[in-house]
N, C-alpha and C. Protein backbone atom coordinates (compact mmCIF):
# COMPACT_ATOMS: atom_id res chain seq x y z
N MET A 1 79.75 90.50 122.07
CA MET A 1 79.97 90.21 120.70
C MET A 1 81.14 89.22 120.67
N SER A 2 80.89 88.05 119.99
CA SER A 2 81.99 87.13 119.92
C SER A 2 83.09 87.42 118.92
N THR A 3 84.15 86.82 119.00
CA THR A 3 85.27 87.07 118.10
C THR A 3 84.88 86.93 116.59
N GLU A 4 84.14 85.89 116.39
CA GLU A 4 83.63 85.62 115.05
C GLU A 4 82.73 86.77 114.56
N GLU A 5 81.81 87.21 115.43
CA GLU A 5 80.99 88.33 115.09
C GLU A 5 81.75 89.61 114.82
N LYS A 6 82.74 89.83 115.68
CA LYS A 6 83.67 91.02 115.53
C LYS A 6 84.31 90.99 114.16
N ASN A 7 84.88 89.85 113.87
CA ASN A 7 85.60 89.69 112.56
C ASN A 7 84.67 89.91 111.41
N GLU A 8 83.52 89.41 111.52
CA GLU A 8 82.45 89.63 110.39
C GLU A 8 82.07 90.98 110.23
N LEU A 9 81.94 91.71 111.30
CA LEU A 9 81.63 93.14 111.36
C LEU A 9 82.71 93.93 110.70
N LYS A 10 84.01 93.60 111.06
CA LYS A 10 85.16 94.21 110.49
C LYS A 10 85.24 94.06 109.07
N LYS A 11 85.03 92.73 108.69
CA LYS A 11 85.06 92.45 107.22
C LYS A 11 84.07 93.28 106.41
N SER A 12 82.76 93.31 106.84
CA SER A 12 81.82 94.02 106.09
C SER A 12 82.03 95.58 106.09
N SER A 13 82.37 96.00 107.20
CA SER A 13 82.61 97.48 107.41
C SER A 13 83.84 97.99 106.79
N TYR A 14 84.93 97.12 106.72
CA TYR A 14 86.17 97.47 106.08
C TYR A 14 85.96 97.56 104.60
N THR A 15 85.21 96.52 104.05
CA THR A 15 84.86 96.53 102.57
C THR A 15 84.16 97.72 102.20
N GLU A 16 83.10 98.18 103.01
CA GLU A 16 82.25 99.32 102.75
C GLU A 16 83.11 100.58 102.80
N ALA A 17 83.89 100.70 103.88
CA ALA A 17 84.67 101.86 104.12
C ALA A 17 85.67 102.06 102.85
N MET A 18 86.30 101.02 102.48
CA MET A 18 87.27 101.10 101.36
C MET A 18 86.54 101.38 100.05
N ARG A 19 85.24 100.95 99.92
CA ARG A 19 84.42 101.33 98.79
C ARG A 19 84.26 102.85 98.74
N TYR A 20 84.07 103.51 99.90
CA TYR A 20 83.98 104.89 99.89
C TYR A 20 85.27 105.59 99.42
N ILE A 21 86.39 105.01 99.88
CA ILE A 21 87.71 105.52 99.41
C ILE A 21 87.90 105.37 97.91
N ASP A 22 87.50 104.19 97.45
CA ASP A 22 87.64 103.99 95.90
C ASP A 22 86.74 104.94 95.20
N ASN A 23 85.45 105.18 95.72
CA ASN A 23 84.56 106.28 95.05
C ASN A 23 85.23 107.54 95.10
N ALA A 24 85.79 107.93 96.15
CA ALA A 24 86.44 109.17 96.31
C ALA A 24 87.59 109.39 95.33
N LYS A 25 88.35 108.37 95.12
CA LYS A 25 89.48 108.38 94.17
C LYS A 25 88.86 108.50 92.76
N GLU A 26 87.88 107.84 92.46
CA GLU A 26 87.27 107.89 91.18
C GLU A 26 86.69 109.36 90.89
N THR A 27 86.11 109.90 91.89
CA THR A 27 85.58 111.20 91.80
C THR A 27 86.74 112.28 91.57
N LEU A 28 87.87 112.07 92.31
CA LEU A 28 88.98 112.95 92.10
C LEU A 28 89.62 112.83 90.68
N HIS A 29 89.50 111.64 90.14
CA HIS A 29 89.92 111.39 88.66
C HIS A 29 89.08 112.31 87.76
N LYS A 30 87.74 112.46 88.01
CA LYS A 30 86.88 113.20 87.28
C LYS A 30 87.13 114.74 87.36
N ALA A 31 87.84 115.07 88.48
CA ALA A 31 88.06 116.49 88.66
C ALA A 31 89.22 117.01 87.73
N GLY A 32 90.02 116.03 87.29
CA GLY A 32 91.08 116.44 86.33
C GLY A 32 92.19 117.12 87.16
N ARG A 33 93.37 117.02 86.60
CA ARG A 33 94.47 117.52 87.32
C ARG A 33 95.50 118.15 86.39
N GLU A 34 95.85 119.36 86.82
CA GLU A 34 96.88 120.11 85.96
C GLU A 34 97.93 120.55 86.96
N GLY A 35 99.12 119.92 86.83
CA GLY A 35 100.21 120.22 87.77
C GLY A 35 99.81 119.80 89.15
N LYS A 36 99.99 120.59 90.14
CA LYS A 36 99.75 120.36 91.44
C LYS A 36 98.30 120.45 91.96
N TYR A 37 97.41 120.80 91.02
CA TYR A 37 96.04 121.07 91.52
C TYR A 37 94.98 120.27 90.72
N TYR A 38 93.90 119.89 91.46
CA TYR A 38 92.76 119.34 90.72
C TYR A 38 92.03 120.50 90.17
N MET A 39 91.38 120.29 88.96
CA MET A 39 90.79 121.40 88.19
C MET A 39 89.36 121.77 88.61
N ASP A 40 88.60 120.81 89.11
CA ASP A 40 87.26 121.06 89.35
C ASP A 40 86.91 120.85 90.89
N ALA A 41 86.71 121.98 91.54
CA ALA A 41 86.52 122.02 93.00
C ALA A 41 85.35 121.23 93.42
N LYS A 42 84.26 121.17 92.58
CA LYS A 42 83.08 120.41 92.98
C LYS A 42 83.35 118.94 93.05
N TYR A 43 84.12 118.41 92.25
CA TYR A 43 84.53 116.98 92.38
C TYR A 43 85.39 116.80 93.65
N VAL A 44 86.27 117.76 93.85
CA VAL A 44 87.21 117.64 95.08
C VAL A 44 86.39 117.66 96.34
N ARG A 45 85.41 118.55 96.42
CA ARG A 45 84.51 118.65 97.58
C ARG A 45 83.84 117.34 97.73
N THR A 46 83.19 116.81 96.68
CA THR A 46 82.51 115.50 96.72
C THR A 46 83.41 114.39 97.21
N ALA A 47 84.56 114.28 96.58
CA ALA A 47 85.55 113.25 96.93
C ALA A 47 85.92 113.42 98.39
N SER A 48 86.18 114.68 98.80
CA SER A 48 86.64 114.85 100.27
C SER A 48 85.50 114.40 101.24
N GLY A 49 84.24 114.70 101.00
CA GLY A 49 83.20 114.30 101.84
C GLY A 49 83.00 112.73 101.82
N THR A 50 83.22 112.21 100.70
CA THR A 50 83.02 110.74 100.58
C THR A 50 84.07 109.97 101.39
N ALA A 51 85.35 110.39 101.16
CA ALA A 51 86.51 109.79 101.95
C ALA A 51 86.26 109.98 103.43
N TYR A 52 85.87 111.19 103.80
CA TYR A 52 85.64 111.40 105.35
C TYR A 52 84.49 110.52 105.86
N SER A 53 83.49 110.39 105.06
CA SER A 53 82.36 109.49 105.42
C SER A 53 82.89 108.07 105.63
N GLY A 54 83.68 107.58 104.93
CA GLY A 54 84.23 106.24 104.91
C GLY A 54 85.04 106.10 106.16
N MET A 55 85.75 107.08 106.51
CA MET A 55 86.56 107.11 107.81
C MET A 55 85.60 107.03 109.04
N LEU A 56 84.51 107.82 108.98
CA LEU A 56 83.57 107.76 110.08
C LEU A 56 82.85 106.40 110.22
N LEU A 57 82.64 105.79 109.15
CA LEU A 57 82.05 104.38 109.10
C LEU A 57 82.99 103.47 109.86
N ALA A 58 84.33 103.58 109.57
CA ALA A 58 85.36 102.69 110.23
C ALA A 58 85.40 103.02 111.71
N LEU A 59 85.34 104.30 112.03
CA LEU A 59 85.38 104.61 113.49
C LEU A 59 84.18 104.11 114.24
N ASP A 60 82.97 104.26 113.63
CA ASP A 60 81.77 103.72 114.33
C ASP A 60 81.91 102.24 114.46
N THR A 61 82.52 101.56 113.53
CA THR A 61 82.66 100.06 113.67
C THR A 61 83.61 99.74 114.81
N LEU A 62 84.71 100.52 114.85
CA LEU A 62 85.75 100.28 115.88
C LEU A 62 85.11 100.53 117.23
N PHE A 63 84.25 101.59 117.43
CA PHE A 63 83.66 101.77 118.66
C PHE A 63 82.71 100.75 119.09
N ARG A 64 81.95 100.21 118.03
CA ARG A 64 81.02 99.00 118.34
C ARG A 64 81.72 97.84 118.87
N ILE A 65 82.89 97.57 118.26
CA ILE A 65 83.73 96.42 118.62
C ILE A 65 84.26 96.63 120.03
N LYS A 66 84.56 97.75 120.35
CA LYS A 66 85.11 98.08 121.76
C LYS A 66 83.99 98.42 122.75
N ASN A 67 82.79 98.16 122.35
CA ASN A 67 81.60 98.42 123.26
C ASN A 67 81.49 99.84 123.80
N ILE A 68 81.80 100.78 122.91
CA ILE A 68 81.64 102.18 123.30
C ILE A 68 80.30 102.64 122.94
N SER A 69 79.50 103.15 123.86
CA SER A 69 78.20 103.58 123.57
C SER A 69 78.11 104.90 122.76
N PHE A 70 77.20 104.90 121.93
CA PHE A 70 76.99 106.07 121.03
C PHE A 70 76.08 107.07 121.78
N PRO A 71 76.13 108.34 121.51
CA PRO A 71 75.39 109.37 122.34
C PRO A 71 73.98 109.44 122.09
N GLY A 72 73.29 108.30 122.10
CA GLY A 72 71.82 108.30 122.04
C GLY A 72 71.30 108.73 120.72
N LYS A 73 70.25 109.61 120.83
CA LYS A 73 69.63 110.12 119.56
C LYS A 73 70.45 111.33 119.05
N ASN A 74 71.37 111.89 119.75
CA ASN A 74 72.06 113.03 119.31
C ASN A 74 73.08 112.64 118.24
N ARG A 75 73.33 113.58 117.31
CA ARG A 75 74.32 113.31 116.27
C ARG A 75 75.78 113.36 116.87
N LYS A 76 76.61 112.44 116.37
CA LYS A 76 77.93 112.41 116.90
C LYS A 76 78.73 113.61 116.28
N SER A 77 79.48 114.27 117.14
CA SER A 77 80.28 115.43 116.70
C SER A 77 81.67 114.93 116.63
N ILE A 78 82.54 115.74 115.92
CA ILE A 78 83.93 115.35 115.86
C ILE A 78 84.55 115.40 117.41
N GLU A 79 83.93 116.25 118.15
CA GLU A 79 84.47 116.32 119.57
C GLU A 79 84.14 114.96 120.28
N TRP A 80 83.02 114.45 119.96
CA TRP A 80 82.66 113.13 120.57
C TRP A 80 83.64 112.02 120.13
N TYR A 81 83.90 111.95 118.88
CA TYR A 81 84.90 111.03 118.31
C TYR A 81 86.29 111.24 119.00
N ARG A 82 86.64 112.51 119.09
CA ARG A 82 87.98 112.85 119.75
C ARG A 82 88.08 112.39 121.19
N ASP A 83 87.02 112.59 121.93
CA ASP A 83 86.94 112.18 123.35
C ASP A 83 87.08 110.74 123.44
N GLN A 84 86.42 109.96 122.53
CA GLN A 84 86.53 108.46 122.64
C GLN A 84 87.92 108.13 122.34
N LEU A 85 88.50 108.65 121.32
CA LEU A 85 89.83 108.18 120.86
C LEU A 85 90.92 108.56 121.87
N ARG A 86 90.76 109.62 122.58
CA ARG A 86 91.71 109.96 123.67
C ARG A 86 91.77 108.90 124.72
N LYS A 87 90.72 108.22 124.88
CA LYS A 87 90.67 107.02 125.84
C LYS A 87 91.36 105.88 125.34
N ILE A 88 91.38 105.61 124.02
CA ILE A 88 91.84 104.31 123.49
C ILE A 88 93.05 104.27 122.52
N ASP A 89 93.25 105.38 121.79
CA ASP A 89 94.27 105.34 120.71
C ASP A 89 94.69 106.71 120.37
N LEU A 90 95.76 107.24 120.94
CA LEU A 90 96.22 108.70 120.62
C LEU A 90 96.76 108.73 119.20
N LYS A 91 97.38 107.77 118.77
CA LYS A 91 97.93 107.78 117.41
C LYS A 91 96.78 107.79 116.38
N LEU A 92 95.82 106.97 116.62
CA LEU A 92 94.58 106.99 115.70
C LEU A 92 93.96 108.42 115.73
N LEU A 93 93.98 109.02 116.85
CA LEU A 93 93.39 110.40 117.02
C LEU A 93 94.12 111.43 116.11
N ASN A 94 95.46 111.26 115.88
CA ASN A 94 96.28 112.05 115.01
C ASN A 94 95.75 111.91 113.58
N ASP A 95 95.54 110.73 113.15
CA ASP A 95 94.99 110.46 111.78
C ASP A 95 93.60 110.99 111.58
N VAL A 96 92.74 110.79 112.61
CA VAL A 96 91.38 111.37 112.54
C VAL A 96 91.37 112.86 112.44
N ASN A 97 92.23 113.53 113.24
CA ASN A 97 92.40 114.98 113.20
C ASN A 97 92.84 115.45 111.85
N SER A 98 93.83 114.77 111.29
CA SER A 98 94.35 115.21 109.93
C SER A 98 93.22 115.04 108.99
N ALA A 99 92.52 113.87 108.95
CA ALA A 99 91.51 113.66 107.98
C ALA A 99 90.38 114.73 108.17
N TYR A 100 90.04 115.05 109.33
CA TYR A 100 89.03 115.98 109.66
C TYR A 100 89.41 117.35 109.09
N TYR A 101 90.54 117.84 109.46
CA TYR A 101 90.94 119.16 108.95
C TYR A 101 91.13 119.24 107.43
N ILE A 102 91.77 118.18 106.90
CA ILE A 102 92.02 118.18 105.44
C ILE A 102 90.85 117.92 104.55
N LEU A 103 90.08 116.76 104.88
CA LEU A 103 89.05 116.38 104.05
C LEU A 103 87.75 117.15 104.38
N HIS A 104 87.32 117.19 105.64
CA HIS A 104 86.09 117.80 105.95
C HIS A 104 86.08 119.25 105.83
N LEU A 105 87.08 119.90 106.60
CA LEU A 105 87.16 121.35 106.59
C LEU A 105 87.69 121.92 105.34
N ASN A 106 88.99 121.57 104.99
CA ASN A 106 89.64 122.17 103.78
C ASN A 106 89.08 121.76 102.50
N GLY A 107 88.97 120.42 102.37
CA GLY A 107 88.48 119.84 101.11
C GLY A 107 87.02 120.16 100.88
N TYR A 108 86.11 119.71 101.70
CA TYR A 108 84.70 119.74 101.54
C TYR A 108 84.20 121.23 101.77
N TYR A 109 84.53 121.82 102.77
CA TYR A 109 83.95 123.20 103.09
C TYR A 109 84.65 124.42 102.31
N GLU A 110 85.99 124.29 102.33
CA GLU A 110 86.71 125.36 101.76
C GLU A 110 87.09 125.13 100.24
N GLY A 111 86.97 123.90 99.83
CA GLY A 111 87.23 123.76 98.35
C GLY A 111 88.67 123.77 98.02
N VAL A 112 89.59 123.45 98.91
CA VAL A 112 91.03 123.34 98.57
C VAL A 112 91.21 122.30 97.54
N THR A 113 91.96 122.65 96.52
CA THR A 113 92.17 121.72 95.31
C THR A 113 93.64 121.31 95.15
N LYS A 114 94.55 121.59 96.08
CA LYS A 114 95.88 121.12 95.91
C LYS A 114 95.92 119.64 96.16
N ALA A 115 96.37 118.91 95.11
CA ALA A 115 96.36 117.46 95.08
C ALA A 115 97.06 116.90 96.26
N GLU A 116 98.28 117.41 96.60
CA GLU A 116 99.12 116.87 97.55
C GLU A 116 98.36 116.93 98.98
N VAL A 117 97.68 117.96 99.20
CA VAL A 117 96.92 118.09 100.41
C VAL A 117 95.74 117.11 100.50
N ILE A 118 94.88 117.10 99.50
CA ILE A 118 93.84 116.18 99.51
C ILE A 118 94.24 114.79 99.62
N ASN A 119 95.31 114.34 98.83
CA ASN A 119 95.70 113.05 98.87
C ASN A 119 96.27 112.65 100.30
N SER A 120 96.90 113.58 101.01
CA SER A 120 97.29 113.34 102.30
C SER A 120 96.19 113.08 103.24
N GLY A 121 95.04 113.75 103.02
CA GLY A 121 93.85 113.60 103.83
C GLY A 121 93.29 112.16 103.59
N ILE A 122 93.31 111.72 102.32
CA ILE A 122 92.81 110.43 101.98
C ILE A 122 93.65 109.37 102.63
N ASP A 123 95.00 109.65 102.61
CA ASP A 123 95.93 108.70 103.26
C ASP A 123 95.64 108.54 104.76
N SER A 124 95.36 109.60 105.41
CA SER A 124 94.96 109.59 106.89
C SER A 124 93.55 108.82 107.08
N ALA A 125 92.72 109.04 106.21
CA ALA A 125 91.47 108.22 106.34
C ALA A 125 91.62 106.76 106.10
N ILE A 126 92.50 106.44 105.20
CA ILE A 126 92.87 105.03 104.94
C ILE A 126 93.50 104.41 106.25
N SER A 127 94.40 105.24 106.82
CA SER A 127 95.04 104.68 108.02
C SER A 127 94.00 104.35 109.11
N VAL A 128 93.00 105.16 109.28
CA VAL A 128 91.92 104.89 110.29
C VAL A 128 91.18 103.64 109.80
N ILE A 129 90.85 103.61 108.59
CA ILE A 129 90.11 102.41 108.10
C ILE A 129 90.83 101.12 108.29
N LYS A 130 92.14 101.16 108.17
CA LYS A 130 93.00 99.95 108.31
C LYS A 130 92.91 99.43 109.78
N LYS A 131 92.56 100.28 110.75
CA LYS A 131 92.41 99.83 112.09
C LYS A 131 91.26 98.76 112.29
N ILE A 132 90.38 98.69 111.28
CA ILE A 132 89.36 97.67 111.36
C ILE A 132 89.49 96.57 110.45
N LYS A 133 90.68 96.54 109.74
CA LYS A 133 90.86 95.49 108.74
C LYS A 133 90.74 94.08 109.37
N PRO A 134 89.92 93.34 108.79
CA PRO A 134 89.77 91.98 109.40
C PRO A 134 90.95 91.09 109.27
N VAL A 135 91.09 90.19 110.29
CA VAL A 135 92.19 89.23 110.31
C VAL A 135 91.92 88.16 109.24
N VAL A 136 92.87 87.94 108.41
CA VAL A 136 92.73 87.00 107.38
C VAL A 136 93.47 85.70 107.82
N ASN A 137 92.70 84.60 107.74
CA ASN A 137 93.35 83.33 108.12
C ASN A 137 94.21 82.70 107.00
């Protein structure tokens, strides 16, 4: 993959991943907020899943750029992502782990509605997405 192709892939994937984040933030707004908590867990679950999906899109792009092979027909697990990141970027692994625990497990599955927690998960997802931010000339 040429440098130009890599930058074009970064550009399109970065835009799409950030669109997921924007959609997640819009959904959280629909949840309403009272004090420290979002009021509607359904919207928080949806927003958490959306932000997490945006992060996975960015990771998939990063791995394509680095020529890391995907596991064939099998679904990629969080363990697969972690194994790949241990080889290339331990700092990024911390952000992925945070987003996984906060957004996927706590936000999506458990329905945690504390705004500070969910927002920190979204911040971690954004940190991962920024790793594929295209170079602007």
